[in-house]
């Protein structure tokens, strides 16, 4: 198998040749993103096959071949069977250069009078690009909560009980005295505790959508130019 390192980027080395022909043109070794964008804008190519079959690229190759074989249509006795010759290049150039503005009379002598009609086909592929970074972060916010808490407190109560006249009382007498009772009450005590509430996990999911693309395509049309009728023949 051919050494694909010379032709394609490392990402495409494990692809077979059939897949490589339909791979994005950026798979070719030495082409950066700006070059790929320029090729697409100037020539409308998206895949390696598009670039290889592009009309402008083909004509450039044929011109180089003509320059290397200035003898033109002259036969080359040392030509290797199966390899393209200058004659092949000239013939292809003359056939492909015929447009609707040139009548069949402009075909070079020696051709078989056939034209190849070609048209561009729109091929749409996708490439994986970055669309930005996404993440999840947490921050602390302060809120105020109110709670109602039941509290108890002690209050002083005085109970009066009558004493019978004939009852015996040890501390009977007239003097100053007092009784002191310590009162207690409950007060709210606030404390805080950190409690885990939920676990957040970040993952990615692939969502398939549909996007419409539109590109102008060119196609060749065949027009037939008939000679004008001879007026003298019509009178006869």
Protein backbone atom coordinates (compact mmCIF):
# COMPACT_ATOMS: atom_id res chain seq x y z
CA UNK A 1 0.00 0.00 0.00
CA UNK A 2 1.24 3.52 -0.75
CA UNK A 3 2.83 5.54 2.03
CA UNK A 4 -0.05 7.90 2.86
CA UNK A 5 2.14 10.06 5.13
CA UNK A 6 3.27 11.95 2.02
CA UNK A 7 -0.28 12.84 1.03
CA UNK A 8 -2.59 13.21 4.02
CA UNK A 9 -2.60 14.43 7.60
CA UNK A 10 -1.94 11.98 10.43
CA UNK A 11 -5.63 11.90 11.36
CA UNK A 12 -6.43 10.22 8.02
CA UNK A 13 -3.52 7.76 7.74
CA UNK A 14 -5.70 4.81 8.78
CA UNK A 15 -8.37 5.52 6.13
CA UNK A 16 -8.47 3.46 2.98
CA UNK A 17 -8.11 5.08 -0.43
CA UNK A 18 -11.83 4.96 -1.20
CA UNK A 19 -12.61 6.92 1.97
CA UNK A 20 -9.82 9.41 1.35
CA UNK A 21 -11.24 10.49 -1.99
CA UNK A 22 -14.41 11.64 -0.19
CA UNK A 23 -12.55 13.11 2.80
CA UNK A 24 -12.51 16.90 3.35
CA UNK A 25 -9.87 18.70 1.32
CA UNK A 26 -8.28 19.73 4.61
CA UNK A 27 -7.09 16.13 5.00
CA UNK A 28 -4.36 16.83 2.44
CA UNK A 29 -0.95 17.31 4.01
CA UNK A 30 0.19 20.93 4.13
CA UNK A 31 -3.25 22.58 3.90
CA UNK A 32 -4.24 24.79 6.82
CA UNK A 33 -7.68 26.10 7.71
CA UNK A 34 -7.12 29.36 5.84
CA UNK A 35 -6.03 27.48 2.70
CA UNK A 36 -9.08 25.19 2.88
CA UNK A 37 -11.38 28.20 3.24
CA UNK A 38 -9.70 29.94 0.30
CA UNK A 39 -10.06 26.85 -1.93
CA UNK A 40 -13.72 26.52 -1.04
CA UNK A 41 -14.37 30.19 -1.71
CA UNK A 42 -12.43 30.32 -4.99
CA UNK A 43 -13.14 26.88 -6.49
CA UNK A 44 -16.09 25.59 -4.47
CA UNK A 45 -14.28 22.38 -3.52
CA UNK A 46 -15.04 20.47 -0.34
CA UNK A 47 -13.53 17.02 -0.82
CA UNK A 48 -10.28 15.67 -2.25
CA UNK A 49 -12.21 14.32 -5.23
CA UNK A 50 -13.72 17.78 -5.86
CA UNK A 51 -10.22 19.26 -5.99
CA UNK A 52 -8.84 16.54 -8.27
CA UNK A 53 -11.77 16.85 -10.70
CA UNK A 54 -11.96 20.63 -10.61
CA UNK A 55 -11.87 22.16 -14.09
CA UNK A 56 -9.35 24.85 -13.19
CA UNK A 57 -6.96 22.34 -11.63
CA UNK A 58 -7.27 20.02 -14.63
CA UNK A 59 -6.46 22.81 -17.08
CA UNK A 60 -3.47 23.90 -15.02
CA UNK A 61 -2.16 20.33 -15.14
CA UNK A 62 -2.72 20.15 -18.88
CA UNK A 63 -0.89 23.44 -19.47
CA UNK A 64 2.10 22.16 -17.51
CA UNK A 65 2.00 18.96 -19.55
CA UNK A 66 1.92 20.99 -22.78
CA UNK A 67 4.89 23.04 -21.57
CA UNK A 68 6.84 19.86 -20.90
CA UNK A 69 5.97 18.55 -24.39
CA UNK A 70 6.38 21.50 -26.77
CA UNK A 71 6.16 19.19 -29.76
CA UNK A 72 2.37 19.41 -29.32
CA UNK A 73 0.49 16.90 -31.44
CA UNK A 74 3.62 15.38 -32.92
CA UNK A 75 3.94 11.67 -32.29
CA UNK A 76 6.44 10.68 -29.62
CA UNK A 77 7.99 7.31 -30.51
CA UNK A 78 9.31 6.82 -26.99
CA UNK A 79 5.92 7.31 -25.34
CA UNK A 80 5.05 4.66 -22.78
CA UNK A 81 1.69 2.94 -23.46
CA UNK A 82 -0.96 3.98 -21.00
CA UNK A 83 0.73 7.27 -19.95
CA UNK A 84 -0.83 10.62 -21.01
CA UNK A 85 0.93 12.36 -23.87
CA UNK A 86 0.93 15.94 -25.08
CA UNK A 87 -1.55 14.91 -27.76
CA UNK A 88 -3.93 13.64 -25.10
CA UNK A 89 -3.60 16.89 -23.17
CA UNK A 90 -4.21 19.06 -26.24
CA UNK A 91 -7.21 17.00 -27.30
CA UNK A 92 -8.77 17.18 -23.82
CA UNK A 93 -8.11 20.90 -23.66
CA UNK A 94 -9.77 21.52 -27.03
CA UNK A 95 -12.81 19.41 -26.11
CA UNK A 96 -13.34 20.92 -22.67
CA UNK A 97 -12.81 24.47 -23.93
CA UNK A 98 -15.87 24.30 -26.20
CA UNK A 99 -18.78 26.27 -24.71
CA UNK A 100 -22.21 27.31 -25.89
CA UNK A 101 -20.63 30.46 -27.36
CA UNK A 102 -18.51 28.38 -29.75
CA UNK A 103 -20.31 26.48 -32.51
CA UNK A 104 -19.15 22.98 -33.46
CA UNK A 105 -17.25 24.50 -36.39
CA UNK A 106 -14.60 25.62 -33.88
CA UNK A 107 -13.65 22.06 -33.01
CA UNK A 108 -10.08 21.28 -34.01
CA UNK A 109 -9.61 19.11 -37.11
CA UNK A 110 -9.09 15.48 -36.40
CA UNK A 111 -11.57 15.16 -33.52
CA UNK A 112 -14.42 12.67 -33.66
CA UNK A 113 -17.08 15.38 -33.32
CA UNK A 114 -18.13 14.54 -29.76
CA UNK A 115 -18.51 16.81 -26.76
CA UNK A 116 -18.50 15.90 -23.10
CA UNK A 117 -21.17 17.73 -21.15
CA UNK A 118 -20.30 18.16 -17.49
CA UNK A 119 -22.02 19.69 -14.51
CA UNK A 120 -21.21 20.37 -10.91
CA UNK A 121 -22.82 18.25 -8.23
CA UNK A 122 -23.28 19.56 -4.72
CA UNK A 123 -21.62 17.34 -2.14
CA UNK A 124 -22.13 18.22 1.50
CA UNK A 125 -19.92 16.86 4.24
CA UNK A 126 -19.42 17.76 7.89
CA UNK A 127 -16.33 18.48 9.91
CA UNK A 128 -15.90 18.57 13.66
CA UNK A 129 -15.04 22.04 14.99
CA UNK A 130 -15.04 23.56 18.43
CA UNK A 131 -18.09 25.66 19.34
CA UNK A 132 -16.87 26.99 22.69
CA UNK A 133 -16.33 25.84 26.24
CA UNK A 134 -19.12 25.10 28.70
CA UNK A 135 -18.88 24.34 32.38
CA UNK A 136 -20.66 24.41 35.73
CA UNK A 137 -19.49 26.45 38.70
CA UNK A 138 -20.91 27.20 42.13
CA UNK A 139 -20.88 30.37 44.18
CA UNK A 140 -22.16 31.35 47.61
CA UNK A 141 -25.23 33.52 48.12
CA UNK A 142 -26.56 34.76 51.46
CA UNK A 143 -30.25 34.51 52.26
CA UNK A 144 -32.27 35.28 55.40
CA UNK A 145 -34.44 32.62 57.00
CA UNK A 146 -36.98 33.07 59.76
CA UNK A 147 -38.07 30.33 62.15
CA UNK A 148 -40.58 30.41 65.02
CA UNK A 149 -39.26 28.69 68.14
CA UNK A 150 -41.37 28.00 71.26
CA UNK A 151 -39.66 29.28 74.45
CA UNK A 152 -40.58 28.98 78.09
CA UNK A 153 -40.02 31.36 80.97
CA UNK A 154 -40.79 31.34 84.65
CA UNK A 155 -43.06 33.97 86.18
CA UNK A 156 -43.65 34.80 89.82
CA UNK A 157 -46.98 33.82 91.25
CA UNK A 158 -48.28 34.80 94.71
CA UNK A 159 -50.88 32.60 96.40
CA UNK A 160 -52.64 33.74 99.54
CA UNK A 161 -54.04 31.23 101.99
CA UNK A 162 -56.05 32.33 105.09
CA UNK A 163 -54.85 31.05 108.51
CA UNK A 164 -57.43 29.96 111.11
CA UNK A 165 -57.50 31.89 114.39
CA UNK A 166 -56.65 28.86 116.51
CA UNK A 167 -53.93 27.58 114.16
CA UNK A 168 -50.41 27.34 115.52
CA UNK A 169 -47.83 29.29 113.54
CA UNK A 170 -44.11 29.10 114.40
CA UNK A 171 -43.05 32.45 112.97
CA UNK A 172 -45.99 34.45 114.22
CA UNK A 173 -44.94 37.97 114.95
CA UNK A 174 -44.52 41.34 113.43
CA UNK A 175 -41.22 41.77 111.64
CA UNK A 176 -39.72 42.43 108.21
CA UNK A 177 -39.03 39.39 106.01
CA UNK A 178 -38.71 38.45 102.34
CA UNK A 179 -38.54 35.39 100.14
CA UNK A 180 -36.41 35.44 96.96
CA UNK A 181 -37.12 33.05 94.10
CA UNK A 182 -34.81 32.81 91.09
CA UNK A 183 -36.70 32.88 87.79
CA UNK A 184 -35.50 31.21 84.57
CA UNK A 185 -36.38 31.56 80.88
CA UNK A 186 -35.38 29.99 77.56
CA UNK A 187 -33.61 31.95 74.88
CA UNK A 188 -33.18 30.92 71.20
CA UNK A 189 -29.75 29.54 70.42
CA UNK A 190 -28.81 29.64 66.72
CA UNK A 191 -26.21 27.38 65.17
CA UNK A 192 -25.46 26.43 61.56
CA UNK A 193 -24.42 23.14 60.02
CA UNK A 194 -23.27 22.46 56.47
CA UNK A 195 -25.43 19.72 54.96
CA UNK A 196 -24.91 18.28 51.42
CA UNK A 197 -28.08 18.63 49.35
CA UNK A 198 -27.41 17.31 45.84
CA UNK A 199 -24.68 16.11 43.49
CA UNK A 200 -24.29 17.74 40.07
CA UNK A 201 -22.62 15.74 37.32
CA UNK A 202 -21.46 17.29 34.02
CA UNK A 203 -21.61 15.24 30.81
CA UNK A 204 -21.99 15.74 27.06
CA UNK A 205 -24.67 14.45 24.74
CA UNK A 206 -24.79 14.50 20.94
CA UNK A 207 -27.90 16.12 19.50
CA UNK A 208 -28.66 15.74 15.80
CA UNK A 209 -30.16 18.74 14.05
CA UNK A 210 -30.76 19.74 10.46
CA UNK A 211 -29.17 22.70 8.72
CA UNK A 212 -29.77 23.81 5.17
CA UNK A 213 -26.85 24.77 2.95
CA UNK A 214 -27.07 26.46 -0.43
CA UNK A 215 -24.32 26.80 -3.03
CA UNK A 216 -24.46 27.79 -6.71
CA UNK A 217 -23.64 24.95 -9.11
CA UNK A 218 -22.73 25.21 -12.76
CA UNK A 219 -23.75 22.92 -15.60
CA UNK A 220 -23.03 22.90 -19.28
CA UNK A 221 -25.80 23.00 -21.86
CA UNK A 222 -25.59 21.81 -25.44
CA UNK A 223 -26.77 24.18 -28.15
CA UNK A 224 -27.04 23.24 -31.82
CA UNK A 225 -26.15 25.83 -34.44
CA UNK A 226 -27.73 25.05 -37.83
CA UNK A 227 -26.52 26.79 -41.02
CA UNK A 228 -28.87 29.39 -42.47
CA UNK A 229 -31.01 27.98 -45.33
CA UNK A 230 -29.96 28.89 -48.86
CA UNK A 231 -32.59 31.33 -50.24
CA UNK A 232 -31.94 30.19 -53.81
CA UNK A 233 -32.67 26.60 -52.85
CA UNK A 234 -36.02 27.59 -51.32
CA UNK A 235 -37.05 29.42 -54.55
CA UNK A 236 -36.47 26.26 -56.58
